[in-house]
């Protein structure tokens, strides 16, 4: 969490301060509220931009990771999970907020436990769904994770091992 304290957002670590450069270590090294954003010395840093919408917090992470690794990063970096979308309004708003303008990103939705039964990671029952026409279709027989596609503003099931950008739902 980015909490400025006299120009130093982490008094316990002298290497973290406003003049520091990001080092791809899941920390906000330069105290700007972004985690691992690309830096001159590390242009491949994935970067997570923290955004608040109402009572919800989101970390938009541009690094493309497989679904399980993206979920692990959400837990380790933010104490959260991949995003749960509860309404069409939230689906639309999340796309509008995305500072990285990802073409597609992981949702916290899969049918890994029971084929054909998609559930949210946090146990929330699936109420609203934003599936694209004909989805989920398990094309290729290994599409067990859900992504939100910017061009259609709809969901698609895809192979969980294919790297995607992702959004973490962050506790506030």
Protein backbone atom coordinates (compact mmCIF):
# COMPACT_ATOMS: atom_id res chain seq x y z
CA UNK A 1 0.00 0.00 0.00
CA UNK A 2 1.33 3.41 -0.95
CA UNK A 3 1.40 5.59 2.16
CA UNK A 4 3.72 8.58 1.79
CA UNK A 5 5.61 9.48 4.95
CA UNK A 6 7.60 12.65 4.43
CA UNK A 7 8.71 11.54 0.95
CA UNK A 8 9.61 8.03 2.13
CA UNK A 9 6.81 5.48 1.79
CA UNK A 10 8.63 2.71 3.69
CA UNK A 11 10.60 3.76 6.76
CA UNK A 12 11.68 0.15 7.36
CA UNK A 13 13.58 -0.04 4.05
CA UNK A 14 16.09 2.67 3.13
CA UNK A 15 16.17 1.50 -0.51
CA UNK A 16 12.52 2.51 -0.97
CA UNK A 17 12.13 6.28 -1.47
CA UNK A 18 10.86 8.81 -4.03
CA UNK A 19 14.19 8.92 -5.91
CA UNK A 20 14.55 5.12 -6.15
CA UNK A 21 14.11 3.21 -9.40
CA UNK A 22 11.71 0.26 -9.74
CA UNK A 23 13.47 -3.11 -9.56
CA UNK A 24 10.77 -5.73 -10.42
CA UNK A 25 10.51 -6.97 -6.85
CA UNK A 26 6.74 -6.69 -6.17
CA UNK A 27 7.33 -3.45 -4.22
CA UNK A 28 6.67 0.24 -4.85
CA UNK A 29 10.36 1.22 -4.79
CA UNK A 30 9.84 4.84 -5.91
CA UNK A 31 6.76 5.62 -3.77
CA UNK A 32 4.54 6.56 -6.72
CA UNK A 33 1.70 4.16 -5.95
CA UNK A 34 2.62 1.77 -8.78
CA UNK A 35 4.26 -1.61 -8.28
CA UNK A 36 6.99 -2.74 -10.68
CA UNK A 37 6.13 -0.31 -13.46
CA UNK A 38 8.70 -0.27 -16.29
CA UNK A 39 11.86 1.66 -15.47
CA UNK A 40 14.84 2.70 -17.59
CA UNK A 41 17.01 0.01 -15.98
CA UNK A 42 14.26 -2.60 -16.17
CA UNK A 43 11.94 -1.95 -19.14
CA UNK A 44 10.41 -5.43 -18.89
CA UNK A 45 8.97 -4.81 -15.41
CA UNK A 46 5.31 -5.78 -15.57
CA UNK A 47 3.86 -2.95 -13.58
CA UNK A 48 0.69 -2.84 -11.52
CA UNK A 49 -1.26 0.39 -11.32
CA UNK A 50 -3.49 0.75 -8.26
CA UNK A 51 -6.92 2.29 -8.87
CA UNK A 52 -9.85 2.83 -6.52
CA UNK A 53 -13.45 2.74 -7.74
CA UNK A 54 -16.04 3.39 -5.06
CA UNK A 55 -15.41 0.97 -2.20
CA UNK A 56 -13.28 -1.35 -4.37
CA UNK A 57 -9.58 -1.33 -5.10
CA UNK A 58 -8.01 -2.80 -8.23
CA UNK A 59 -4.42 -3.44 -9.28
CA UNK A 60 -4.14 -3.45 -13.07
CA UNK A 61 -1.06 -5.55 -13.87
CA UNK A 62 0.34 -5.36 -17.38
CA UNK A 63 2.72 -8.31 -17.00
CA UNK A 64 1.40 -11.27 -18.96
CA UNK A 65 1.34 -14.32 -16.68
CA UNK A 66 -0.40 -17.70 -16.69
CA UNK A 67 -3.62 -17.69 -14.63
CA UNK A 68 -2.26 -19.50 -11.54
CA UNK A 69 0.82 -17.28 -11.38
CA UNK A 70 -1.30 -14.14 -11.79
CA UNK A 71 -3.50 -15.32 -8.90
CA UNK A 72 -0.42 -16.05 -6.76
CA UNK A 73 0.89 -12.53 -7.48
CA UNK A 74 -2.46 -11.02 -6.46
CA UNK A 75 -2.26 -12.82 -3.13
CA UNK A 76 1.43 -12.14 -2.47
CA UNK A 77 1.52 -8.51 -3.61
CA UNK A 78 -1.90 -7.22 -2.58
CA UNK A 79 -3.58 -9.76 -0.30
CA UNK A 80 -6.29 -10.05 -2.94
CA UNK A 81 -7.49 -12.30 -5.73
CA UNK A 82 -8.02 -12.05 -9.44
CA UNK A 83 -11.04 -9.83 -10.07
CA UNK A 84 -14.64 -10.92 -9.52
CA UNK A 85 -17.12 -9.04 -11.73
CA UNK A 86 -20.61 -8.82 -10.26
CA UNK A 87 -22.49 -6.70 -12.81
CA UNK A 88 -22.50 -5.32 -16.32
CA UNK A 89 -21.78 -1.89 -14.85
CA UNK A 90 -18.64 -3.17 -13.12
CA UNK A 91 -17.58 -4.99 -16.32
CA UNK A 92 -17.83 -1.71 -18.28
CA UNK A 93 -16.27 0.42 -15.52
CA UNK A 94 -13.25 -1.87 -15.14
CA UNK A 95 -12.48 -1.60 -18.85
CA UNK A 96 -12.70 2.19 -18.63
CA UNK A 97 -10.35 2.30 -15.61
CA UNK A 98 -7.61 0.09 -17.05
CA UNK A 99 -4.54 2.38 -17.26
CA UNK A 100 -2.59 -0.29 -19.18
CA UNK A 101 -5.28 -0.74 -21.85
CA UNK A 102 -4.75 -4.49 -21.98
CA UNK A 103 -6.32 -6.31 -24.93
CA UNK A 104 -7.46 -9.07 -22.56
CA UNK A 105 -6.94 -9.89 -18.90
CA UNK A 106 -7.62 -12.70 -16.46
CA UNK A 107 -10.72 -12.86 -14.34
CA UNK A 108 -10.86 -14.88 -11.10
CA UNK A 109 -13.19 -17.35 -12.79
CA UNK A 110 -12.49 -20.95 -13.79
CA UNK A 111 -13.92 -24.42 -14.15
CA UNK A 112 -10.72 -26.12 -12.98
CA UNK A 113 -12.49 -28.04 -10.21
CA UNK A 114 -15.53 -29.23 -12.17
CA UNK A 115 -15.46 -29.08 -15.96
CA UNK A 116 -18.28 -26.88 -17.24
CA UNK A 117 -19.02 -25.29 -13.85
CA UNK A 118 -17.33 -21.89 -13.63
CA UNK A 119 -16.86 -20.46 -10.12
CA UNK A 120 -15.14 -17.36 -8.70
CA UNK A 121 -11.88 -17.85 -6.77
CA UNK A 122 -13.27 -16.27 -3.61
CA UNK A 123 -16.23 -18.64 -3.49
CA UNK A 124 -18.77 -16.02 -4.56
CA UNK A 125 -21.55 -17.66 -6.58
CA UNK A 126 -21.61 -16.67 -10.24
CA UNK A 127 -24.59 -14.35 -10.67
CA UNK A 128 -23.83 -11.92 -13.48
CA UNK A 129 -22.03 -13.40 -16.49
CA UNK A 130 -20.59 -11.52 -19.44
CA UNK A 131 -19.78 -14.41 -21.76
CA UNK A 132 -19.33 -13.66 -25.44
CA UNK A 133 -21.79 -15.47 -27.73
CA UNK A 134 -21.01 -19.19 -27.81
CA UNK A 135 -18.81 -19.04 -24.70
CA UNK A 136 -17.71 -20.79 -22.64
CA UNK A 137 -17.01 -23.45 -25.25
CA UNK A 138 -13.88 -25.29 -24.04
CA UNK A 139 -12.49 -25.10 -27.60
CA UNK A 140 -9.41 -27.28 -27.76
CA UNK A 141 -10.71 -29.08 -24.64
CA UNK A 142 -8.40 -27.23 -22.28
CA UNK A 143 -10.05 -23.82 -21.80
CA UNK A 144 -10.62 -23.68 -18.07
CA UNK A 145 -9.97 -20.02 -17.16
CA UNK A 146 -11.88 -16.86 -18.05
CA UNK A 147 -10.58 -13.64 -19.56
CA UNK A 148 -12.24 -10.30 -20.29
CA UNK A 149 -11.56 -9.19 -23.88
CA UNK A 150 -11.42 -5.42 -24.47
CA UNK A 151 -12.60 -5.45 -28.10
CA UNK A 152 -15.87 -7.22 -27.23
CA UNK A 153 -16.17 -6.22 -23.54
CA UNK A 154 -17.12 -9.87 -23.07
CA UNK A 155 -15.69 -12.97 -21.43
CA UNK A 156 -14.03 -15.92 -23.13
CA UNK A 157 -12.70 -19.21 -21.74
CA UNK A 158 -9.06 -19.88 -22.64
CA UNK A 159 -6.17 -22.15 -21.71
CA UNK A 160 -4.98 -21.20 -18.20
CA UNK A 161 -1.31 -21.52 -19.19
CA UNK A 162 -1.44 -18.80 -21.84
CA UNK A 163 0.01 -15.57 -20.36
CA UNK A 164 -2.39 -12.63 -19.98
CA UNK A 165 -2.44 -9.29 -18.20
CA UNK A 166 -4.57 -9.41 -15.06
CA UNK A 167 -6.50 -7.41 -12.50
CA UNK A 168 -6.29 -8.03 -8.76
CA UNK A 169 -9.20 -7.10 -6.54
CA UNK A 170 -7.49 -5.40 -3.61
CA UNK A 171 -8.92 -5.14 -0.09
CA UNK A 172 -9.19 -1.52 1.08
